Amino acid sequence: MGLRRIETGRGYERKVRHGAGTVAEGRIFYTSGMTSRDPEGNVVGKGDMAAQVAQAYANIRNALRAAGTDFEHVVKYTIYVTDIDAYRAVVGTVAAPYHSHRQSSTLVQVVRLAHPDFLVEVEAIAVLD
């Protein structure tokens, strides 16, 4: 498996956890959108963006492990939030452990998600060995 992170040399790229792109070889694993549901399906952190982000990434970790990979092999995240400012306020501390490199990412604010209590939904694409 090969991964090559692409950077364009812009100063902005050194300041944020965002890369211009990734060239990947191998089999690809796409997660479903991961939300803040616990193993029993209950919503974790109603009204609490930090708790929901942490649970969404924990659910991604579980999916990655089940597929035989980990966060180091994630090449792209797509993050949907209902409040982009609330997400930005917590992402640096809550999501930082899951962004071990500058992978590609997209952040989108939406009107609502699949359940009225969801504040965030995260998808990941990873390369398998």
C-alpha atoms as a PDB file:
ATOM      1  CA  MET A   1       0.000   0.000   0.000  1.00  0.00           C
ATOM      2  CA  GLY A   2       1.267   3.451  -0.791  1.00  0.00           C
ATOM      3  CA  LEU A   3       0.163   6.841   0.449  1.00  0.00           C
ATOM      4  CA  ARG A   4       1.641  10.108  -0.708  1.00  0.00           C
ATOM      5  CA  ARG A   5       0.366  13.286   0.932  1.00  0.00           C
ATOM      6  CA  ILE A   6       0.155  16.232  -1.430  1.00  0.00           C
ATOM      7  CA  GLU A   7       0.983  19.736  -0.260  1.00  0.00           C
ATOM      8  CA  THR A   8       1.090  22.797  -2.469  1.00  0.00           C
ATOM      9  CA  GLY A   9       3.533  24.761  -0.313  1.00  0.00           C
ATOM     10  CA  ARG A  10       1.020  27.371   0.843  1.00  0.00           C
ATOM     11  CA  GLY A  11       1.619  28.648   4.380  1.00  0.00           C
ATOM     12  CA  TYR A  12      -1.981  27.882   5.242  1.00  0.00           C
ATOM     13  CA  GLU A  13      -1.276  24.162   4.957  1.00  0.00           C
ATOM     14  CA  ARG A  14       1.145  24.318   7.906  1.00  0.00           C
ATOM     15  CA  LYS A  15      -1.465  26.003  10.116  1.00  0.00           C
ATOM     16  CA  VAL A  16      -4.405  23.610   9.745  1.00  0.00           C
ATOM     17  CA  ARG A  17      -5.041  19.866   9.724  1.00  0.00           C
ATOM     18  CA  HIS A  18      -5.932  19.919   6.070  1.00  0.00           C
ATOM     19  CA  GLY A  19      -4.028  18.611   3.081  1.00  0.00           C
ATOM     20  CA  ALA A  20      -4.460  19.383  -0.579  1.00  0.00           C
ATOM     21  CA  GLY A  21      -4.906  15.689  -1.356  1.00  0.00           C
ATOM     22  CA  THR A  22      -3.548  12.175  -1.103  1.00  0.00           C
ATOM     23  CA  VAL A  23      -2.398   9.742  -3.757  1.00  0.00           C
ATOM     24  CA  ALA A  24      -3.314   6.239  -2.572  1.00  0.00           C
ATOM     25  CA  GLU A  25      -2.703   2.731  -3.842  1.00  0.00           C
ATOM     26  CA  GLY A  26      -4.564  -0.324  -2.615  1.00  0.00           C
ATOM     27  CA  ARG A  27      -8.049  -1.302  -1.558  1.00  0.00           C
ATOM     28  CA  ILE A  28     -10.272   1.490  -0.266  1.00  0.00           C
ATOM     29  CA  PHE A  29     -12.588   1.393   2.763  1.00  0.00           C
ATOM     30  CA  TYR A  30     -15.483   3.866   2.966  1.00  0.00           C
ATOM     31  CA  THR A  31     -17.237   4.276   6.301  1.00  0.00           C
ATOM     32  CA  SER A  32     -20.867   5.159   6.524  1.00  0.00           C
ATOM     33  CA  GLY A  33     -21.698   8.468   8.117  1.00  0.00           C
ATOM     34  CA  MET A  34     -20.841   8.045  11.801  1.00  0.00           C
ATOM     35  CA  THR A  35     -22.885   9.936  14.350  1.00  0.00           C
ATOM     36  CA  SER A  36     -22.977  10.122  18.126  1.00  0.00           C
ATOM     37  CA  ARG A  37     -24.848   6.873  18.736  1.00  0.00           C
ATOM     38  CA  ASP A  38     -23.510   4.563  21.429  1.00  0.00           C
ATOM     39  CA  PRO A  39     -23.356   0.759  20.922  1.00  0.00           C
ATOM     40  CA  GLU A  40     -27.024   0.447  21.929  1.00  0.00           C
ATOM     41  CA  GLY A  41     -28.106   3.127  19.444  1.00  0.00           C
ATOM     42  CA  ASN A  42     -28.710   5.907  21.970  1.00  0.00           C
ATOM     43  CA  VAL A  43     -27.669   9.468  21.105  1.00  0.00           C
ATOM     44  CA  VAL A  44     -24.652  10.548  23.168  1.00  0.00           C
ATOM     45  CA  GLY A  45     -24.259  14.202  24.155  1.00  0.00           C
ATOM     46  CA  LYS A  46     -27.590  15.750  23.257  1.00  0.00           C
ATOM     47  CA  GLY A  47     -26.820  19.450  22.730  1.00  0.00           C
ATOM     48  CA  ASP A  48     -23.074  18.913  23.350  1.00  0.00           C
ATOM     49  CA  MET A  49     -20.931  19.245  20.222  1.00  0.00           C
ATOM     50  CA  ALA A  50     -17.735  18.053  21.947  1.00  0.00           C
ATOM     51  CA  ALA A  51     -19.376  14.870  23.228  1.00  0.00           C
ATOM     52  CA  GLN A  52     -20.923  14.163  19.841  1.00  0.00           C
ATOM     53  CA  VAL A  53     -17.668  14.708  17.946  1.00  0.00           C
ATOM     54  CA  ALA A  54     -15.849  12.387  20.360  1.00  0.00           C
ATOM     55  CA  GLN A  55     -18.494   9.680  19.936  1.00  0.00           C
ATOM     56  CA  ALA A  56     -18.562  10.012  16.141  1.00  0.00           C
ATOM     57  CA  TYR A  57     -14.779   9.534  15.966  1.00  0.00           C
ATOM     58  CA  ALA A  58     -14.959   6.618  18.419  1.00  0.00           C
ATOM     59  CA  ASN A  59     -17.474   5.018  16.055  1.00  0.00           C
ATOM     60  CA  ILE A  60     -15.157   5.647  13.107  1.00  0.00           C
ATOM     61  CA  ARG A  61     -12.294   4.053  15.068  1.00  0.00           C
ATOM     62  CA  ASN A  62     -14.429   0.955  15.618  1.00  0.00           C
ATOM     63  CA  ALA A  63     -15.305   0.732  11.921  1.00  0.00           C
ATOM     64  CA  LEU A  64     -11.676   1.218  10.862  1.00  0.00           C
ATOM     65  CA  ARG A  65     -10.508  -1.501  13.252  1.00  0.00           C
ATOM     66  CA  ALA A  66     -13.203  -3.866  12.021  1.00  0.00           C
ATOM     67  CA  ALA A  67     -11.919  -3.310   8.477  1.00  0.00           C
ATOM     68  CA  GLY A  68      -8.319  -3.904   9.550  1.00  0.00           C
ATOM     69  CA  THR A  69      -7.052  -0.349   9.343  1.00  0.00           C
ATOM     70  CA  ASP A  70      -6.629   2.742  11.522  1.00  0.00           C
ATOM     71  CA  PHE A  71      -6.650   6.544  11.508  1.00  0.00           C
ATOM     72  CA  GLU A  72      -3.142   6.689  10.050  1.00  0.00           C
ATOM     73  CA  HIS A  73      -4.564   5.277   6.795  1.00  0.00           C
ATOM     74  CA  VAL A  74      -7.486   7.700   6.505  1.00  0.00           C
ATOM     75  CA  VAL A  75      -7.121   9.734   3.324  1.00  0.00           C
ATOM     76  CA  LYS A  76     -10.298  11.837   3.553  1.00  0.00           C
ATOM     77  CA  TYR A  77     -12.935  12.940   6.019  1.00  0.00           C
ATOM     78  CA  THR A  78     -16.262  14.527   5.190  1.00  0.00           C
ATOM     79  CA  ILE A  79     -17.773  16.235   8.223  1.00  0.00           C
ATOM     80  CA  TYR A  80     -21.364  17.451   8.332  1.00  0.00           C
ATOM     81  CA  VAL A  81     -22.353  19.752  11.197  1.00  0.00           C
ATOM     82  CA  THR A  82     -25.450  21.700  12.139  1.00  0.00           C
ATOM     83  CA  ASP A  83     -23.356  24.543  13.647  1.00  0.00           C
ATOM     84  CA  ILE A  84     -19.963  25.167  12.100  1.00  0.00           C
ATOM     85  CA  ASP A  85     -18.888  27.611  14.832  1.00  0.00           C
ATOM     86  CA  ALA A  86     -19.673  25.111  17.603  1.00  0.00           C
ATOM     87  CA  TYR A  87     -17.685  22.469  15.705  1.00  0.00           C
ATOM     88  CA  ARG A  88     -14.689  24.736  15.204  1.00  0.00           C
ATOM     89  CA  ALA A  89     -14.694  25.575  18.916  1.00  0.00           C
ATOM     90  CA  VAL A  90     -14.119  21.933  19.895  1.00  0.00           C
ATOM     91  CA  VAL A  91     -12.449  20.256  16.927  1.00  0.00           C
ATOM     92  CA  GLY A  92      -8.903  21.274  17.862  1.00  0.00           C
ATOM     93  CA  THR A  93      -9.027  19.395  21.144  1.00  0.00           C
ATOM     94  CA  VAL A  94     -11.662  16.711  20.641  1.00  0.00           C
ATOM     95  CA  ALA A  95     -10.839  15.542  17.110  1.00  0.00           C
ATOM     96  CA  ALA A  96      -7.079  16.206  17.132  1.00  0.00           C
ATOM     97  CA  PRO A  97      -6.118  12.633  18.147  1.00  0.00           C
ATOM     98  CA  TYR A  98      -7.904  11.321  15.043  1.00  0.00           C
ATOM     99  CA  HIS A  99      -6.150  13.658  12.635  1.00  0.00           C
ATOM    100  CA  SER A 100      -2.605  12.349  12.893  1.00  0.00           C
ATOM    101  CA  HIS A 101      -1.627  13.796   9.533  1.00  0.00           C
ATOM    102  CA  ARG A 102      -2.918  16.348   7.061  1.00  0.00           C
ATOM    103  CA  GLN A 103      -5.495  14.276   5.251  1.00  0.00           C
ATOM    104  CA  SER A 104      -7.985  15.713   2.806  1.00  0.00           C
ATOM    105  CA  SER A 105     -11.200  16.883   4.402  1.00  0.00           C
ATOM    106  CA  THR A 106     -14.446  18.670   3.713  1.00  0.00           C
ATOM    107  CA  LEU A 107     -16.506  20.495   6.347  1.00  0.00           C
ATOM    108  CA  VAL A 108     -20.135  21.268   5.519  1.00  0.00           C
ATOM    109  CA  GLN A 109     -22.833  22.955   7.585  1.00  0.00           C
ATOM    110  CA  VAL A 110     -26.275  21.459   7.039  1.00  0.00           C
ATOM    111  CA  VAL A 111     -29.751  22.380   8.228  1.00  0.00           C
ATOM    112  CA  ARG A 112     -30.246  19.055   9.986  1.00  0.00           C
ATOM    113  CA  LEU A 113     -29.072  15.473  10.100  1.00  0.00           C
ATOM    114  CA  ALA A 114     -30.939  12.141  10.216  1.00  0.00           C
ATOM    115  CA  HIS A 115     -32.011  12.523  13.875  1.00  0.00           C
ATOM    116  CA  PRO A 116     -33.065  15.848  15.430  1.00  0.00           C
ATOM    117  CA  ASP A 117     -30.492  15.456  18.241  1.00  0.00           C
ATOM    118  CA  PHE A 118     -27.508  14.883  15.933  1.00  0.00           C
ATOM    119  CA  LEU A 119     -25.077  17.801  15.679  1.00  0.00           C
ATOM    120  CA  VAL A 120     -22.337  16.067  13.647  1.00  0.00           C
ATOM    121  CA  GLU A 121     -21.860  13.212  11.195  1.00  0.00           C
ATOM    122  CA  VAL A 122     -18.441  12.122   9.942  1.00  0.00           C
ATOM    123  CA  GLU A 123     -17.462   9.901   7.012  1.00  0.00           C
ATOM    124  CA  ALA A 124     -13.960   8.545   6.476  1.00  0.00           C
ATOM    125  CA  ILE A 125     -12.185   6.980   3.529  1.00  0.00           C
ATOM    126  CA  ALA A 126      -9.157   4.822   4.357  1.00  0.00           C
ATOM    127  CA  VAL A 127      -6.721   2.668   2.443  1.00  0.00           C
ATOM    128  CA  LEU A 128      -6.384  -0.993   3.421  1.00  0.00           C
ATOM    129  CA  ASP A 129      -3.128  -2.965   3.279  1.00  0.00           C
END
